[in-house]
């Protein structure tokens, strides 16, 4: 299983204004694009070729990956035009890049996780599933109903009227067998959820496996984005697939005045400038961000190329 499709076409509405500058999968997480953490996770599981769909600010992907590779593995980008095709449509749109007769992994581009992928791969292979979802038993949205004995998904949010609202979180990671393409319509804007429901109704092998090990965050809003950074700062051994990974709070190439006051966990990216008399508390400064003399920021995110002035709290600048 050496190919993965990473979803990169989301609009990131809940992260505005951060996503006015970058697509959501490119927002910095410990000074590098979020999507590169997904790539590293997948590489550790044996993946060596990536396909990414794009829509919002597609030129930024070209800037982030100018040679079309990550750690020596090819990354192919495909822009969706003229409309964003959503998950099922996005998969159908890259069939020529993924369909080599082997299963492939689909991975949401807005999550940060180190959950082990080996149990997912093993479950998919042993059950002979059409699709196998990676699930967790805790989280903010417990919408997937799973029959533990058979490993089959039986409903999603009671949309089939089974009376099962669900008790598991869908992590946004799943394995797809090539036969799944037969259920997709090229060029159609469509989510995978209605197709998953159709598979359940037809008795097809839509499976799931509960993987509660490791960490998992959906970075779809600023609160989860900030919390993930704070949590990782306080823990050892993340990610589990590469526990020796270093997560520096402050890049080596920053300019911070000796009179600046830093409180809590501040992440300051490459090329950032913090001038004299500044106070920062639990802030994230993207690469190239600046904070002007005398400014006071608390729980703020400062984007690349932005010069923050004055007093701000819980704001994205």
Foldseek 3Di string as FASTA:
>chain_A
DAEEEEEQADQLPQAPPVSVVPGLQADDDLQGGNQVLVVVLVVLVPHQEYEYEYERPVVVVCVRCVPQHDPPGHYHYHYDPDDDQADLQVCLQCCVVPPPQFKYKYAYSQKHWQFDCVVQVVVCVVLVAQKEFEKAQDDDQFFWAADVVNQATQGGCCPVVPPDRGRIHGQRMMMHGSVVSVQGDHPHRDYCRVVSVVCNVVVGGYGYDHTHPIDMFRNSHLVRSLVVSLVVVPDAQPPVSCRVDDRDQEDPAEAADPQEAEADGHRAYHCEYEDHLEYEYSEYEHHQEYEDHNEYEYSEYEYHPYYDYHYDYVYYD
